[in-house]
Amino acid sequence: MLGGVRDYDVMRDALLAYRATRPDTERQAINRMISQLRIERDARRADLLVFFKRLDDERFDVRFRGFLAESSIG
């Protein structure tokens, strides 16, 4: 899930760099692409936040530390 959000960040940075090399006539289209990416990224980020909340609610950190402790014994 984190990778999905990060992919949009990387793509946005690449588009911003590309936009800087293009003539003004092409920049409006690139801006629309960047705006669409922002919408998609925000949706993925919302999903990511729900996922992290679920991990907190399920006490994943405690369970994972217990798993590590058991694994290191054997």
N, C-alpha and C. Protein backbone atom coordinates (compact mmCIF):
# COMPACT_ATOMS: atom_id res chain seq x y z
N MET A 1 0.82 -1.19 0.00
CA MET A 1 0.00 0.00 0.00
C MET A 1 0.87 1.26 0.00
N LEU A 2 1.91 1.21 0.77
CA LEU A 2 2.81 2.37 0.83
C LEU A 2 3.46 2.61 -0.53
N GLY A 3 3.80 1.52 -1.20
CA GLY A 3 4.41 1.63 -2.53
C GLY A 3 3.51 2.32 -3.52
N GLY A 4 2.21 2.06 -3.43
CA GLY A 4 1.26 2.69 -4.34
C GLY A 4 1.24 4.19 -4.20
N VAL A 5 1.32 4.67 -2.97
CA VAL A 5 1.35 6.12 -2.73
C VAL A 5 2.68 6.69 -3.20
N ARG A 6 3.74 6.00 -2.89
CA ARG A 6 5.08 6.46 -3.26
C ARG A 6 5.23 6.50 -4.79
N ASP A 7 4.67 5.54 -5.49
CA ASP A 7 4.74 5.54 -6.96
C ASP A 7 4.18 6.84 -7.54
N TYR A 8 3.09 7.31 -6.97
CA TYR A 8 2.50 8.57 -7.45
C TYR A 8 3.42 9.75 -7.16
N ASP A 9 4.09 9.73 -6.02
CA ASP A 9 5.02 10.80 -5.70
C ASP A 9 6.18 10.84 -6.70
N VAL A 10 6.70 9.67 -7.01
CA VAL A 10 7.81 9.58 -7.97
C VAL A 10 7.36 10.04 -9.35
N MET A 11 6.18 9.61 -9.76
CA MET A 11 5.65 9.99 -11.06
C MET A 11 5.42 11.51 -11.14
N ARG A 12 4.91 12.08 -10.06
CA ARG A 12 4.68 13.53 -10.01
C ARG A 12 6.00 14.28 -10.16
N ASP A 13 7.02 13.86 -9.43
CA ASP A 13 8.32 14.51 -9.52
C ASP A 13 8.89 14.42 -10.94
N ALA A 14 8.72 13.28 -11.57
CA ALA A 14 9.20 13.11 -12.94
C ALA A 14 8.44 14.04 -13.90
N LEU A 15 7.13 14.13 -13.71
CA LEU A 15 6.34 15.02 -14.57
C LEU A 15 6.69 16.49 -14.36
N LEU A 16 6.97 16.87 -13.12
CA LEU A 16 7.37 18.26 -12.86
C LEU A 16 8.69 18.58 -13.57
N ALA A 17 9.63 17.66 -13.51
CA ALA A 17 10.91 17.87 -14.20
C ALA A 17 10.70 17.90 -15.71
N TYR A 18 9.88 17.02 -16.21
CA TYR A 18 9.60 16.98 -17.65
C TYR A 18 8.91 18.26 -18.10
N ARG A 19 7.95 18.71 -17.31
CA ARG A 19 7.20 19.93 -17.65
C ARG A 19 8.14 21.12 -17.82
N ALA A 20 9.15 21.17 -16.99
CA ALA A 20 10.10 22.29 -17.05
C ALA A 20 10.87 22.33 -18.38
N THR A 21 10.92 21.20 -19.06
CA THR A 21 11.65 21.14 -20.34
C THR A 21 10.76 21.36 -21.55
N ARG A 22 9.46 21.47 -21.33
CA ARG A 22 8.51 21.53 -22.44
C ARG A 22 8.07 22.97 -22.69
N PRO A 23 7.65 23.24 -23.92
CA PRO A 23 7.15 24.59 -24.23
C PRO A 23 5.81 24.85 -23.52
N ASP A 24 5.48 26.12 -23.39
CA ASP A 24 4.24 26.52 -22.71
C ASP A 24 3.01 25.84 -23.30
N THR A 25 3.01 25.58 -24.58
CA THR A 25 1.84 24.97 -25.23
C THR A 25 1.56 23.56 -24.72
N GLU A 26 2.55 22.90 -24.17
CA GLU A 26 2.37 21.53 -23.66
C GLU A 26 2.16 21.49 -22.15
N ARG A 27 2.46 22.55 -21.47
CA ARG A 27 2.44 22.52 -20.01
C ARG A 27 1.04 22.38 -19.43
N GLN A 28 0.05 22.92 -20.10
CA GLN A 28 -1.32 22.81 -19.59
C GLN A 28 -1.75 21.34 -19.53
N ALA A 29 -1.42 20.59 -20.55
CA ALA A 29 -1.77 19.16 -20.56
C ALA A 29 -1.03 18.41 -19.45
N ILE A 30 0.22 18.76 -19.25
CA ILE A 30 1.00 18.12 -18.19
C ILE A 30 0.43 18.49 -16.83
N ASN A 31 0.00 19.73 -16.67
CA ASN A 31 -0.63 20.15 -15.42
C ASN A 31 -1.89 19.35 -15.12
N ARG A 32 -2.66 19.06 -16.16
CA ARG A 32 -3.87 18.24 -15.97
C ARG A 32 -3.49 16.83 -15.52
N MET A 33 -2.43 16.30 -16.09
CA MET A 33 -1.96 14.98 -15.67
C MET A 33 -1.54 15.00 -14.20
N ILE A 34 -0.83 16.03 -13.81
CA ILE A 34 -0.38 16.15 -12.43
C ILE A 34 -1.58 16.27 -11.49
N SER A 35 -2.58 17.04 -11.89
CA SER A 35 -3.79 17.18 -11.07
C SER A 35 -4.51 15.85 -10.91
N GLN A 36 -4.61 15.08 -11.99
CA GLN A 36 -5.25 13.77 -11.92
C GLN A 36 -4.46 12.82 -11.02
N LEU A 37 -3.14 12.88 -11.13
CA LEU A 37 -2.30 12.05 -10.27
C LEU A 37 -2.53 12.39 -8.80
N ARG A 38 -2.68 13.67 -8.50
CA ARG A 38 -2.90 14.09 -7.12
C ARG A 38 -4.20 13.49 -6.58
N ILE A 39 -5.23 13.48 -7.40
CA ILE A 39 -6.51 12.90 -6.98
C ILE A 39 -6.35 11.41 -6.69
N GLU A 40 -5.68 10.70 -7.60
CA GLU A 40 -5.47 9.26 -7.42
C GLU A 40 -4.58 8.98 -6.21
N ARG A 41 -3.54 9.79 -6.02
CA ARG A 41 -2.65 9.61 -4.88
C ARG A 41 -3.40 9.83 -3.57
N ASP A 42 -4.22 10.87 -3.53
CA ASP A 42 -4.98 11.15 -2.31
C ASP A 42 -5.91 10.00 -1.95
N ALA A 43 -6.49 9.37 -2.96
CA ALA A 43 -7.36 8.22 -2.71
C ALA A 43 -6.55 7.05 -2.16
N ARG A 44 -5.39 6.80 -2.74
CA ARG A 44 -4.54 5.72 -2.23
C ARG A 44 -4.05 6.03 -0.82
N ARG A 45 -3.73 7.30 -0.57
CA ARG A 45 -3.26 7.68 0.77
C ARG A 45 -4.37 7.46 1.79
N ALA A 46 -5.60 7.77 1.43
CA ALA A 46 -6.72 7.53 2.35
C ALA A 46 -6.82 6.04 2.68
N ASP A 47 -6.66 5.19 1.67
CA ASP A 47 -6.67 3.74 1.91
C ASP A 47 -5.53 3.34 2.83
N LEU A 48 -4.37 3.94 2.62
CA LEU A 48 -3.20 3.64 3.45
C LEU A 48 -3.45 4.02 4.91
N LEU A 49 -4.06 5.17 5.13
CA LEU A 49 -4.35 5.59 6.49
C LEU A 49 -5.34 4.65 7.18
N VAL A 50 -6.32 4.16 6.43
CA VAL A 50 -7.26 3.18 6.98
C VAL A 50 -6.51 1.90 7.36
N PHE A 51 -5.60 1.49 6.51
CA PHE A 51 -4.80 0.29 6.77
C PHE A 51 -3.97 0.46 8.05
N PHE A 52 -3.30 1.60 8.20
CA PHE A 52 -2.50 1.85 9.40
C PHE A 52 -3.38 1.89 10.65
N LYS A 53 -4.55 2.46 10.53
CA LYS A 53 -5.49 2.51 11.66
C LYS A 53 -5.89 1.09 12.07
N ARG A 54 -6.14 0.25 11.07
CA ARG A 54 -6.50 -1.14 11.38
C ARG A 54 -5.35 -1.85 12.10
N LEU A 55 -4.12 -1.61 11.65
CA LEU A 55 -2.97 -2.21 12.33
C LEU A 55 -2.90 -1.75 13.79
N ASP A 56 -3.15 -0.47 14.01
CA ASP A 56 -3.16 0.05 15.38
C ASP A 56 -4.27 -0.59 16.20
N ASP A 57 -5.47 -0.65 15.64
CA ASP A 57 -6.62 -1.21 16.35
C ASP A 57 -6.40 -2.68 16.71
N GLU A 58 -5.72 -3.40 15.83
CA GLU A 58 -5.47 -4.83 16.06
C GLU A 58 -4.20 -5.08 16.86
N ARG A 59 -3.57 -4.02 17.32
CA ARG A 59 -2.35 -4.11 18.11
C ARG A 59 -1.27 -4.93 17.41
N PHE A 60 -1.10 -4.65 16.13
CA PHE A 60 -0.12 -5.38 15.34
C PHE A 60 1.28 -5.28 15.95
N ASP A 61 1.63 -4.11 16.46
CA ASP A 61 2.98 -3.92 17.02
C ASP A 61 3.24 -4.89 18.17
N VAL A 62 2.25 -5.09 19.03
CA VAL A 62 2.41 -6.00 20.16
C VAL A 62 2.51 -7.44 19.66
N ARG A 63 1.64 -7.80 18.75
CA ARG A 63 1.66 -9.16 18.22
C ARG A 63 2.96 -9.45 17.48
N PHE A 64 3.47 -8.48 16.75
CA PHE A 64 4.69 -8.68 15.99
C PHE A 64 5.90 -8.83 16.92
N ARG A 65 5.94 -8.01 17.96
CA ARG A 65 7.04 -8.15 18.94
C ARG A 65 6.98 -9.53 19.61
N GLY A 66 5.78 -10.01 19.89
CA GLY A 66 5.63 -11.35 20.45
C GLY A 66 6.12 -12.41 19.49
N PHE A 67 5.79 -12.25 18.23
CA PHE A 67 6.28 -13.20 17.21
C PHE A 67 7.80 -13.20 17.15
N LEU A 68 8.40 -12.02 17.17
CA LEU A 68 9.86 -11.94 17.13
C LEU A 68 10.48 -12.60 18.35
N ALA A 69 9.89 -12.38 19.52
CA ALA A 69 10.40 -12.96 20.74
C ALA A 69 10.33 -14.49 20.67
N GLU A 70 9.23 -15.03 20.20
CA GLU A 70 9.08 -16.49 20.07
C GLU A 70 10.04 -17.05 19.04
N SER A 71 10.22 -16.35 17.97
CA SER A 71 11.10 -16.83 16.89
C SER A 71 12.56 -16.84 17.32
N SER A 72 12.95 -15.91 18.15
CA SER A 72 14.35 -15.85 18.57
C SER A 72 14.69 -16.91 19.61
N ILE A 73 13.67 -17.45 20.28
CA ILE A 73 13.89 -18.48 21.29
C ILE A 73 14.24 -19.81 20.62
N GLY A 74 13.50 -20.14 19.55
CA GLY A 74 13.66 -21.44 18.90
C GLY A 74 14.75 -21.43 17.95
